[in-house]
Amino acid sequence: MTILTAKQQHFVKELMGGKTQTNAYRAAYSATNMNYNSVRREASRLMKHPNIATTVEDLQNQAN
């Protein structure tokens, strides 16, 4: 299993719970002062992170 920070784990948990990437980012990170495009960009950046991408893929495979 890959090592994720607490916020990254929260982001993945929210994604697996059915939230969109932007909503998962807002739930896991302090994004109250960020505009929508910034949140979308940062959520996309997180999804490209190797540890997060691997964890999400593993969890999706387990769910199927």
PDB file of N, CA and C in Angstrom:
ATOM      1  N   MET A   1       0.848  -1.186   0.000  1.00  0.00           N
ATOM      2  CA  MET A   1       0.000   0.000   0.000  1.00  0.00           C
ATOM      3  C   MET A   1       0.887   1.241   0.000  1.00  0.00           C
ATOM      4  N   THR A   2       0.476   2.235  -0.732  1.00  0.00           N
ATOM      5  CA  THR A   2       1.253   3.465  -0.831  1.00  0.00           C
ATOM      6  C   THR A   2       0.997   4.345   0.389  1.00  0.00           C
ATOM      7  N   ILE A   3       1.952   5.185   0.682  1.00  0.00           N
ATOM      8  CA  ILE A   3       1.844   6.076   1.833  1.00  0.00           C
ATOM      9  C   ILE A   3       1.272   7.410   1.377  1.00  0.00           C
ATOM     10  N   LEU A   4       0.180   7.810   2.016  1.00  0.00           N
ATOM     11  CA  LEU A   4      -0.474   9.080   1.714  1.00  0.00           C
ATOM     12  C   LEU A   4      -0.536   9.918   2.986  1.00  0.00           C
ATOM     13  N   THR A   5      -0.554  11.224   2.811  1.00  0.00           N
ATOM     14  CA  THR A   5      -0.755  12.114   3.954  1.00  0.00           C
ATOM     15  C   THR A   5      -2.215  11.993   4.403  1.00  0.00           C
ATOM     16  N   ALA A   6      -2.503  12.528   5.560  1.00  0.00           N
ATOM     17  CA  ALA A   6      -3.877  12.486   6.080  1.00  0.00           C
ATOM     18  C   ALA A   6      -4.845  13.187   5.121  1.00  0.00           C
ATOM     19  N   LYS A   7      -4.436  14.324   4.555  1.00  0.00           N
ATOM     20  CA  LYS A   7      -5.309  15.054   3.632  1.00  0.00           C
ATOM     21  C   LYS A   7      -5.497  14.288   2.332  1.00  0.00           C
ATOM     22  N   GLN A   8      -4.431  13.646   1.852  1.00  0.00           N
ATOM     23  CA  GLN A   8      -4.543  12.834   0.640  1.00  0.00           C
ATOM     24  C   GLN A   8      -5.470  11.652   0.883  1.00  0.00           C
ATOM     25  N   GLN A   9      -5.366  11.027   2.054  1.00  0.00           N
ATOM     26  CA  GLN A   9      -6.262   9.921   2.399  1.00  0.00           C
ATOM     27  C   GLN A   9      -7.704  10.393   2.448  1.00  0.00           C
ATOM     28  N   HIS A  10      -7.915  11.566   3.019  1.00  0.00           N
ATOM     29  CA  HIS A  10      -9.267  12.132   3.087  1.00  0.00           C
ATOM     30  C   HIS A  10      -9.798  12.393   1.675  1.00  0.00           C
ATOM     31  N   PHE A  11      -8.958  12.942   0.802  1.00  0.00           N
ATOM     32  CA  PHE A  11      -9.334  13.193  -0.591  1.00  0.00           C
ATOM     33  C   PHE A  11      -9.764  11.887  -1.268  1.00  0.00           C
ATOM     34  N   VAL A  12      -8.972  10.838  -1.116  1.00  0.00           N
ATOM     35  CA  VAL A  12      -9.292   9.534  -1.724  1.00  0.00           C
ATOM     36  C   VAL A  12     -10.585   8.979  -1.138  1.00  0.00           C
ATOM     37  N   LYS A  13     -10.752   9.099   0.176  1.00  0.00           N
ATOM     38  CA  LYS A  13     -11.974   8.608   0.838  1.00  0.00           C
ATOM     39  C   LYS A  13     -13.211   9.298   0.278  1.00  0.00           C
ATOM     40  N   GLU A  14     -13.119  10.607   0.096  1.00  0.00           N
ATOM     41  CA  GLU A  14     -14.247  11.363  -0.454  1.00  0.00           C
ATOM     42  C   GLU A  14     -14.539  10.936  -1.898  1.00  0.00           C
ATOM     43  N   LEU A  15     -13.494  10.705  -2.677  1.00  0.00           N
ATOM     44  CA  LEU A  15     -13.684  10.231  -4.054  1.00  0.00           C
ATOM     45  C   LEU A  15     -14.385   8.879  -4.067  1.00  0.00           C
ATOM     46  N   MET A  16     -13.942   7.987  -3.207  1.00  0.00           N
ATOM     47  CA  MET A  16     -14.531   6.650  -3.160  1.00  0.00           C
ATOM     48  C   MET A  16     -15.963   6.692  -2.647  1.00  0.00           C
ATOM     49  N   GLY A  17     -16.294   7.765  -1.930  1.00  0.00           N
ATOM     50  CA  GLY A  17     -17.654   7.957  -1.438  1.00  0.00           C
ATOM     51  C   GLY A  17     -18.589   8.518  -2.494  1.00  0.00           C
ATOM     52  N   GLY A  18     -18.047   8.810  -3.683  1.00  0.00           N
ATOM     53  CA  GLY A  18     -18.890   9.273  -4.776  1.00  0.00           C
ATOM     54  C   GLY A  18     -18.812  10.752  -5.081  1.00  0.00           C
ATOM     55  N   LYS A  19     -17.982  11.481  -4.366  1.00  0.00           N
ATOM     56  CA  LYS A  19     -17.876  12.917  -4.642  1.00  0.00           C
ATOM     57  C   LYS A  19     -17.042  13.151  -5.897  1.00  0.00           C
ATOM     58  N   THR A  20     -17.273  14.290  -6.517  1.00  0.00           N
ATOM     59  CA  THR A  20     -16.457  14.694  -7.658  1.00  0.00           C
ATOM     60  C   THR A  20     -15.067  15.072  -7.144  1.00  0.00           C
ATOM     61  N   GLN A  21     -14.128  15.211  -8.066  1.00  0.00           N
ATOM     62  CA  GLN A  21     -12.776  15.587  -7.667  1.00  0.00           C
ATOM     63  C   GLN A  21     -12.768  16.948  -6.967  1.00  0.00           C
ATOM     64  N   THR A  22     -13.517  17.896  -7.487  1.00  0.00           N
ATOM     65  CA  THR A  22     -13.518  19.227  -6.879  1.00  0.00           C
ATOM     66  C   THR A  22     -14.161  19.208  -5.490  1.00  0.00           C
ATOM     67  N   ASN A  23     -15.252  18.486  -5.335  1.00  0.00           N
ATOM     68  CA  ASN A  23     -15.899  18.401  -4.027  1.00  0.00           C
ATOM     69  C   ASN A  23     -15.047  17.627  -3.036  1.00  0.00           C
ATOM     70  N   ALA A  24     -14.359  16.595  -3.500  1.00  0.00           N
ATOM     71  CA  ALA A  24     -13.458  15.837  -2.637  1.00  0.00           C
ATOM     72  C   ALA A  24     -12.303  16.724  -2.186  1.00  0.00           C
ATOM     73  N   TYR A  25     -11.791  17.551  -3.093  1.00  0.00           N
ATOM     74  CA  TYR A  25     -10.710  18.467  -2.740  1.00  0.00           C
ATOM     75  C   TYR A  25     -11.186  19.461  -1.687  1.00  0.00           C
ATOM     76  N   ARG A  26     -12.365  20.033  -1.897  1.00  0.00           N
ATOM     77  CA  ARG A  26     -12.897  20.999  -0.934  1.00  0.00           C
ATOM     78  C   ARG A  26     -13.110  20.367   0.440  1.00  0.00           C
ATOM     79  N   ALA A  27     -13.496  19.084   0.478  1.00  0.00           N
ATOM     80  CA  ALA A  27     -13.719  18.398   1.754  1.00  0.00           C
ATOM     81  C   ALA A  27     -12.400  18.097   2.468  1.00  0.00           C
ATOM     82  N   ALA A  28     -11.354  17.827   1.719  1.00  0.00           N
ATOM     83  CA  ALA A  28     -10.088  17.393   2.316  1.00  0.00           C
ATOM     84  C   ALA A  28      -9.121  18.533   2.597  1.00  0.00           C
ATOM     85  N   TYR A  29      -9.219  19.598   1.851  1.00  0.00           N
ATOM     86  CA  TYR A  29      -8.259  20.696   1.962  1.00  0.00           C
ATOM     87  C   TYR A  29      -8.973  21.998   2.281  1.00  0.00           C
ATOM     88  N   SER A  30      -8.233  22.949   2.794  1.00  0.00           N
ATOM     89  CA  SER A  30      -8.779  24.270   3.094  1.00  0.00           C
ATOM     90  C   SER A  30      -8.898  25.046   1.785  1.00  0.00           C
ATOM     91  N   ALA A  31     -10.096  25.078   1.246  1.00  0.00           N
ATOM     92  CA  ALA A  31     -10.293  25.698  -0.063  1.00  0.00           C
ATOM     93  C   ALA A  31     -11.371  26.773  -0.034  1.00  0.00           C
ATOM     94  N   THR A  32     -11.665  27.293   1.133  1.00  0.00           N
ATOM     95  CA  THR A  32     -12.756  28.266   1.236  1.00  0.00           C
ATOM     96  C   THR A  32     -12.472  29.549   0.476  1.00  0.00           C
ATOM     97  N   ASN A  33     -11.206  29.939   0.379  1.00  0.00           N
ATOM     98  CA  ASN A  33     -10.861  31.179  -0.321  1.00  0.00           C
ATOM     99  C   ASN A  33     -10.402  30.941  -1.754  1.00  0.00           C
ATOM    100  N   MET A  34     -10.531  29.722  -2.235  1.00  0.00           N
ATOM    101  CA  MET A  34     -10.090  29.387  -3.594  1.00  0.00           C
ATOM    102  C   MET A  34     -11.273  29.470  -4.559  1.00  0.00           C
ATOM    103  N   ASN A  35     -11.017  29.974  -5.764  1.00  0.00           N
ATOM    104  CA  ASN A  35     -12.088  29.993  -6.756  1.00  0.00           C
ATOM    105  C   ASN A  35     -12.205  28.602  -7.398  1.00  0.00           C
ATOM    106  N   TYR A  36     -13.272  28.409  -8.135  1.00  0.00           N
ATOM    107  CA  TYR A  36     -13.573  27.098  -8.699  1.00  0.00           C
ATOM    108  C   TYR A  36     -12.450  26.576  -9.586  1.00  0.00           C
ATOM    109  N   ASN A  37     -11.899  27.425 -10.446  1.00  0.00           N
ATOM    110  CA  ASN A  37     -10.839  26.976 -11.352  1.00  0.00           C
ATOM    111  C   ASN A  37      -9.587  26.538 -10.604  1.00  0.00           C
ATOM    112  N   SER A  38      -9.266  27.208  -9.533  1.00  0.00           N
ATOM    113  CA  SER A  38      -8.110  26.818  -8.725  1.00  0.00           C
ATOM    114  C   SER A  38      -8.336  25.469  -8.061  1.00  0.00           C
ATOM    115  N   VAL A  39      -9.528  25.265  -7.528  1.00  0.00           N
ATOM    116  CA  VAL A  39      -9.854  23.985  -6.902  1.00  0.00           C
ATOM    117  C   VAL A  39      -9.804  22.874  -7.939  1.00  0.00           C
ATOM    118  N   ARG A  40     -10.374  23.128  -9.096  1.00  0.00           N
ATOM    119  CA  ARG A  40     -10.364  22.121 -10.164  1.00  0.00           C
ATOM    120  C   ARG A  40      -8.942  21.773 -10.586  1.00  0.00           C
ATOM    121  N   ARG A  41      -8.099  22.773 -10.714  1.00  0.00           N
ATOM    122  CA  ARG A  41      -6.703  22.557 -11.105  1.00  0.00           C
ATOM    123  C   ARG A  41      -5.961  21.738 -10.045  1.00  0.00           C
ATOM    124  N   GLU A  42      -6.140  22.077  -8.782  1.00  0.00           N
ATOM    125  CA  GLU A  42      -5.449  21.362  -7.712  1.00  0.00           C
ATOM    126  C   GLU A  42      -5.969  19.933  -7.557  1.00  0.00           C
ATOM    127  N   ALA A  43      -7.256  19.724  -7.732  1.00  0.00           N
ATOM    128  CA  ALA A  43      -7.814  18.377  -7.671  1.00  0.00           C
ATOM    129  C   ALA A  43      -7.264  17.522  -8.809  1.00  0.00           C
ATOM    130  N   SER A  44      -7.162  18.114  -9.980  1.00  0.00           N
ATOM    131  CA  SER A  44      -6.601  17.405 -11.124  1.00  0.00           C
ATOM    132  C   SER A  44      -5.132  17.064 -10.886  1.00  0.00           C
ATOM    133  N   ARG A  45      -4.407  18.001 -10.301  1.00  0.00           N
ATOM    134  CA  ARG A  45      -2.996  17.770  -9.984  1.00  0.00           C
ATOM    135  C   ARG A  45      -2.857  16.608  -8.997  1.00  0.00           C
ATOM    136  N   LEU A  46      -3.740  16.576  -8.001  1.00  0.00           N
ATOM    137  CA  LEU A  46      -3.701  15.478  -7.030  1.00  0.00           C
ATOM    138  C   LEU A  46      -3.968  14.131  -7.693  1.00  0.00           C
ATOM    139  N   MET A  47      -4.905  14.112  -8.624  1.00  0.00           N
ATOM    140  CA  MET A  47      -5.237  12.847  -9.292  1.00  0.00           C
ATOM    141  C   MET A  47      -4.078  12.331 -10.136  1.00  0.00           C
ATOM    142  N   LYS A  48      -3.156  13.193 -10.514  1.00  0.00           N
ATOM    143  CA  LYS A  48      -1.987  12.780 -11.287  1.00  0.00           C
ATOM    144  C   LYS A  48      -0.833  12.348 -10.390  1.00  0.00           C
ATOM    145  N   HIS A  49      -0.955  12.584  -9.087  1.00  0.00           N
ATOM    146  CA  HIS A  49       0.084  12.178  -8.139  1.00  0.00           C
ATOM    147  C   HIS A  49       0.159  10.652  -8.147  1.00  0.00           C
ATOM    148  N   PRO A  50       1.344  10.084  -8.338  1.00  0.00           N
ATOM    149  CA  PRO A  50       1.462   8.619  -8.479  1.00  0.00           C
ATOM    150  C   PRO A  50       0.865   7.820  -7.323  1.00  0.00           C
ATOM    151  N   ASN A  51       1.082   8.257  -6.088  1.00  0.00           N
ATOM    152  CA  ASN A  51       0.550   7.507  -4.945  1.00  0.00           C
ATOM    153  C   ASN A  51      -0.971   7.573  -4.886  1.00  0.00           C
ATOM    154  N   ILE A  52      -1.532   8.716  -5.205  1.00  0.00           N
ATOM    155  CA  ILE A  52      -2.987   8.855  -5.183  1.00  0.00           C
ATOM    156  C   ILE A  52      -3.605   8.070  -6.332  1.00  0.00           C
ATOM    157  N   ALA A  53      -3.028   8.211  -7.529  1.00  0.00           N
ATOM    158  CA  ALA A  53      -3.558   7.492  -8.691  1.00  0.00           C
ATOM    159  C   ALA A  53      -3.542   5.982  -8.453  1.00  0.00           C
ATOM    160  N   THR A  54      -2.459   5.469  -7.879  1.00  0.00           N
ATOM    161  CA  THR A  54      -2.346   4.044  -7.602  1.00  0.00           C
ATOM    162  C   THR A  54      -3.371   3.610  -6.564  1.00  0.00           C
ATOM    163  N   THR A  55      -3.533   4.401  -5.519  1.00  0.00           N
ATOM    164  CA  THR A  55      -4.488   4.064  -4.464  1.00  0.00           C
ATOM    165  C   THR A  55      -5.912   4.052  -4.997  1.00  0.00           C
ATOM    166  N   VAL A  56      -6.276   5.070  -5.774  1.00  0.00           N
ATOM    167  CA  VAL A  56      -7.630   5.137  -6.343  1.00  0.00           C
ATOM    168  C   VAL A  56      -7.868   3.942  -7.266  1.00  0.00           C
ATOM    169  N   GLU A  57      -6.901   3.634  -8.093  1.00  0.00           N
ATOM    170  CA  GLU A  57      -7.037   2.495  -9.012  1.00  0.00           C
ATOM    171  C   GLU A  57      -7.188   1.190  -8.244  1.00  0.00           C
ATOM    172  N   ASP A  58      -6.377   0.982  -7.214  1.00  0.00           N
ATOM    173  CA  ASP A  58      -6.474  -0.237  -6.398  1.00  0.00           C
ATOM    174  C   ASP A  58      -7.838  -0.355  -5.735  1.00  0.00           C
ATOM    175  N   LEU A  59      -8.333   0.747  -5.169  1.00  0.00           N
ATOM    176  CA  LEU A  59      -9.629   0.718  -4.506  1.00  0.00           C
ATOM    177  C   LEU A  59     -10.770   0.481  -5.496  1.00  0.00           C
ATOM    178  N   GLN A  60     -10.674   1.058  -6.683  1.00  0.00           N
ATOM    179  CA  GLN A  60     -11.694   0.825  -7.703  1.00  0.00           C
ATOM    180  C   GLN A  60     -11.680  -0.632  -8.159  1.00  0.00           C
ATOM    181  N   ASN A  61     -10.502  -1.207  -8.298  1.00  0.00           N
ATOM    182  CA  ASN A  61     -10.401  -2.616  -8.680  1.00  0.00           C
ATOM    183  C   ASN A  61     -10.988  -3.518  -7.601  1.00  0.00           C
ATOM    184  N   GLN A  62     -10.741  -3.188  -6.339  1.00  0.00           N
ATOM    185  CA  GLN A  62     -11.296  -3.972  -5.235  1.00  0.00           C
ATOM    186  C   GLN A  62     -12.817  -3.876  -5.213  1.00  0.00           C
ATOM    187  N   ALA A  63     -13.340  -2.709  -5.550  1.00  0.00           N
ATOM    188  CA  ALA A  63     -14.793  -2.516  -5.533  1.00  0.00           C
ATOM    189  C   ALA A  63     -15.465  -3.312  -6.647  1.00  0.00           C
ATOM    190  N   ASN A  64     -14.768  -3.520  -7.742  1.00  0.00           N
ATOM    191  CA  ASN A  64     -15.327  -4.273  -8.848  1.00  0.00           C
ATOM    192  C   ASN A  64     -15.066  -5.717  -8.611  1.00  0.00           C
TER     193      ASN A  64
END
